[in-house]
Amino acid sequence: MINITLPESVVFRGLFVVIGSIVIFYGSVYLLLYTNLGKKLGFLVSGAALFGWTFLNSLLFVIYAPRGPRPAVIDGLNFWEIRIISLSFTLGSLILFVMFLVALDRYEKADSEAA
């Protein structure tokens, strides 16, 4: 019999919920766009929408977080050091969003030249 302690089961349950929700929500949006726009265009539109949303969401987190103790109270961390992870996520999301927009532009140009 396998004995799983409480912290491990909470971690596995949390990972399962996060990965499952990403697969279900992003996958359902991609499936809907795949049936209406096609494989390539559906992927590009859903990717641009996903990374545009994550860019805006992480930008709001950079601006308005943290809501807990003031950064001066936390030992060793100043205002910018607390936001390093969210700033890197914002920058990564912005780069991927721009890449999907460029790919959409190239797809439209190639499609209009073929017609």
Protein backbone atom coordinates (compact mmCIF):
# COMPACT_ATOMS: atom_id res chain seq x y z
CA MET A 1 0.00 0.00 0.00
CA ILE A 2 1.34 3.43 -0.95
CA ASN A 3 1.42 5.98 1.83
CA ILE A 4 1.29 9.55 0.52
CA THR A 5 1.74 12.31 3.03
CA LEU A 6 -0.43 15.39 2.97
CA PRO A 7 2.04 17.90 1.42
CA GLU A 8 2.85 15.59 -1.48
CA SER A 9 -0.78 14.95 -2.28
CA VAL A 10 -1.48 18.69 -2.18
CA VAL A 11 1.42 19.37 -4.55
CA PHE A 12 0.34 16.66 -6.98
CA ARG A 13 -3.26 17.80 -6.83
CA GLY A 14 -2.20 21.40 -7.49
CA LEU A 15 -0.03 20.38 -10.45
CA PHE A 16 -2.84 18.24 -11.83
CA VAL A 17 -5.34 21.08 -11.54
CA VAL A 18 -3.02 23.62 -13.21
CA ILE A 19 -1.98 21.35 -16.08
CA GLY A 20 -5.51 20.04 -16.53
CA SER A 21 -7.03 23.51 -16.63
CA ILE A 22 -4.49 24.69 -19.21
CA VAL A 23 -5.16 21.66 -21.39
CA ILE A 24 -8.94 21.95 -21.07
CA PHE A 25 -9.35 25.71 -21.47
CA TYR A 26 -6.65 26.37 -24.07
CA GLY A 27 -7.44 23.11 -25.85
CA SER A 28 -11.14 23.90 -26.12
CA VAL A 29 -10.41 27.34 -27.57
CA TYR A 30 -7.96 25.83 -30.06
CA LEU A 31 -10.46 23.11 -31.00
CA LEU A 32 -13.16 25.69 -31.70
CA LEU A 33 -10.81 27.83 -33.78
CA TYR A 34 -9.46 24.72 -35.54
CA THR A 35 -12.94 23.78 -36.72
CA ASN A 36 -13.73 27.29 -37.94
CA LEU A 37 -10.41 28.66 -39.22
CA GLY A 38 -8.28 25.64 -39.99
CA LYS A 39 -5.21 24.11 -38.40
CA LYS A 40 -2.56 26.81 -38.96
CA LEU A 41 -4.71 29.89 -38.64
CA GLY A 42 -6.50 28.50 -35.58
CA PHE A 43 -3.16 27.83 -33.88
CA LEU A 44 -1.85 31.31 -34.68
CA VAL A 45 -5.00 33.10 -33.51
CA SER A 46 -5.27 31.09 -30.29
CA GLY A 47 -1.54 31.55 -29.57
CA ALA A 48 -1.74 35.31 -30.14
CA ALA A 49 -4.81 35.52 -27.91
CA LEU A 50 -3.21 33.43 -25.15
CA PHE A 51 0.05 35.36 -25.02
CA GLY A 52 -1.71 38.72 -25.39
CA TRP A 53 -3.85 37.83 -22.38
CA THR A 54 -0.86 36.63 -20.35
CA PHE A 55 1.04 39.82 -21.21
CA LEU A 56 -1.80 42.04 -19.99
CA ASN A 57 -2.39 39.91 -16.90
CA SER A 58 1.27 39.87 -15.89
CA LEU A 59 1.60 43.60 -16.60
CA LEU A 60 -1.26 44.26 -14.18
CA PHE A 61 0.50 42.08 -11.62
CA VAL A 62 3.70 44.08 -12.03
CA ILE A 63 1.84 47.34 -11.53
CA TYR A 64 -0.47 46.42 -8.64
CA ALA A 65 1.28 43.58 -6.72
CA PRO A 66 2.18 42.74 -4.01
CA ARG A 67 -0.70 43.65 -1.75
CA GLY A 68 0.94 42.14 1.33
CA PRO A 69 3.62 43.74 3.46
CA ARG A 70 5.44 46.78 2.14
CA PRO A 71 8.71 45.98 0.34
CA ALA A 72 10.64 47.95 2.98
CA VAL A 73 9.46 45.51 5.64
CA ILE A 74 10.74 42.43 3.75
CA ASP A 75 14.39 41.83 4.58
CA GLY A 76 16.72 42.09 1.59
CA LEU A 77 14.11 42.74 -1.09
CA ASN A 78 13.33 46.15 -2.50
CA PHE A 79 10.48 47.27 -4.73
CA TRP A 80 12.01 45.94 -7.98
CA GLU A 81 13.41 42.70 -6.64
CA ILE A 82 9.94 41.52 -5.66
CA ARG A 83 8.74 41.99 -9.24
CA ILE A 84 11.62 40.25 -11.06
CA ILE A 85 9.66 37.05 -11.80
CA SER A 86 6.56 38.88 -12.98
CA LEU A 87 8.66 41.27 -15.08
CA SER A 88 10.38 38.35 -16.80
CA PHE A 89 7.01 36.68 -17.44
CA THR A 90 5.69 39.95 -18.86
CA LEU A 91 8.67 40.30 -21.18
CA GLY A 92 8.46 36.66 -22.30
CA SER A 93 4.73 36.95 -22.98
CA LEU A 94 5.25 40.16 -24.95
CA ILE A 95 7.95 38.52 -27.09
CA LEU A 96 5.76 35.49 -27.83
CA PHE A 97 2.75 37.73 -28.55
CA VAL A 98 4.75 39.75 -31.08
CA MET A 99 6.09 36.53 -32.64
CA PHE A 100 2.55 35.21 -33.13
CA LEU A 101 1.46 38.55 -34.64
CA VAL A 102 4.38 38.46 -37.09
CA ALA A 103 3.51 34.87 -37.99
CA LEU A 104 -0.13 35.88 -38.56
CA ASP A 105 0.99 38.71 -40.82
CA ARG A 106 3.22 36.38 -42.84
CA TYR A 107 0.41 33.82 -43.10
CA GLU A 108 -1.99 36.46 -44.43
CA LYS A 109 0.57 37.71 -46.97
CA ALA A 110 1.31 34.19 -48.19
CA ASP A 111 -2.41 33.42 -48.41
CA SER A 112 -3.17 36.61 -50.36
CA GLU A 113 -0.31 35.97 -52.79
CA ALA A 114 -1.49 32.41 -53.42
CA ALA A 115 -5.02 33.58 -54.28
